Amino acid sequence: MARRVFLHAGLPKTGTTYLQRVLWAHREALLDEGLLLPGFGHREHLWAALEVCERDLARRDPRAAGAWERLCAEATAHPGDVLLSHEFFCAATARQAAAVAERLRPAELHLILTARQPAAMLAAGWQESVKNGGVVSLEELASRTGRRELGWWTLDLGGVLHRWAPVVPADRIHVLVLPGPRAPAEQHWHNLAGVLGLSGDHAPPAQVVNPSLGVAQAELLRRVNAHLDDFRVRDVDRGDWIRDLLAERHLAAQAGTPVRLAPEVLTECRRRARAAVDLLAARGVHVVGDPNELLVPEEDPAERGPHGVSSEELLDAATALVASLLRDLREVTAGRSWRDALGLDPRMPAPAPAPAPAPPPAPVQLRAPGPSEPIG
C-alpha cells in the first residue's frame, strides 16, 4: 500500500492545468523519485473525480466507469507516495470526502488545495464556462450556492475546507497560494514540488496561453451558445468549434475591456475571502505563500460587468466576428467557391430557414446572501 497519498483537489482556476502539465510531462522522472502518478493520463483523474462526486458518466468515454477504483488499485500496489490530481475532487460532499479517506486507508492522506482570491476565480471561471459552451450569466454564477462544479460550492476555499477537514488532519492539509504576476513563472510548480518532497528540478513545459475575452466578447459568446445546442452535446465539438475557433481564435483577438464584478458581488467575494483566511489561521493548516494574497483587493468596480454591455457593443463584436470567420472560410477553401467546399450543387435552391431558436437566457437579478446564510 502507498505510504502517503496526496490528493490535489483544486480549486478551479488556480493554475491546476499548468501544474498537471508539469506532472504528466515528467511522470517517469517523478516515479524515479518515488512518486506515482497513477492512470494513463489526466482524463482518468477527471473521471475518477466525477465518480467520487457521483456524477453521471453516461456521456463520457466508455473507459470512464471504474476509473476511481482503478487508480486506487494502482495506489494500493505502489510502496511509495501517490498523487491524484484534479480540481473536480473539491466538489465532494463531506460524506464523499469521508468515503475517499476510507478507501485510501491505511495510507496517510494529504489534501493539497491550490487557492486564489475569489473575485479573480469567479471572473475567470465564468469566462471558462462560456468558452466551453455555457449559457449561464455572470450574475447567475455569482449567486450559485448549491452543488455545482462551478459556483461557490467549488470556488469558496472555506467551504471546501469545512467538508474535508473532518477526515484530513490540519497538519496534512496544504494550501498553496497562487503566486502573483511578479513571481517567477515556475514558482507555483516549485511550491507543489516542495509539498510532495520532490527536487523540483524538472523543467516546466512551455506555458499554454489561455487567452481572456473582453466583457462584450464573452457576453456575445454566451448568447451565441444558446443557439448551439448541437455543438454542446459532444466534448469534441464544444472544444474544437466553440472554445478553439469562436472563443480563442476569433473573439480573443478582438480588443476588449476586462470582465469586472458588480459591487455587490465584490462585497460577497470579500466576505468569503476573509472567512477563508480566518479559517486557515484557526485550523492551523500548512499554507505556502502569503494568505493575505487570498483577500480581494480594494479595486474600483466602475468598469461594467456583462449585464452593462450595450447592444451597440455586442453588434460591434458580432460584426467583427462574422468578418473574421468569413476570412477563415475563404482561406480554408483554398480558392474554391464556398459551394464547392461544402459539396453543394450550385443549381440547388437555398435551404429553408431553420425555425427560430429560443431566446438566450436572461441574466438573473443578483441577491447577496444574508448574514445567516452559510459560506460554501
Foldseek 3Di string as FASTA:
>chain_A
DEQEEEEEAEQPPQCQVLLQQLCVVCQVVVVVVVEHEDDDGDVLLVLLLCVLQPHDCPLPDPVSPPSVVRRLVVNVPRHYYYYRDDNSNLLHALVSLQVVLVSNPPHQYAYEYEAAQLQVVLLVVLLVCLLLLAQAFSLRQLQDDDRDSGHLSRRQLQNSCVSNPVRHAQARYEYEYRDDPVDPPCVSNVVVCVSVVHPSPRDRDDDDDQFGAAQLLSNLSSQVSLVPPVQNSHSVSSCVPRNVPRNPVFRSPDDHHRAFDDPLSLVLSQVSLVVNLVVCVVSVHHYHDDSVSNGDDPDDRPDDHNVPDDPVSNVVSVVSSVVVVVVVCCVVVPPDDSCVVVVHDPVDDDDDDDPDGDGRDDHDDHDRDDPPDDRD
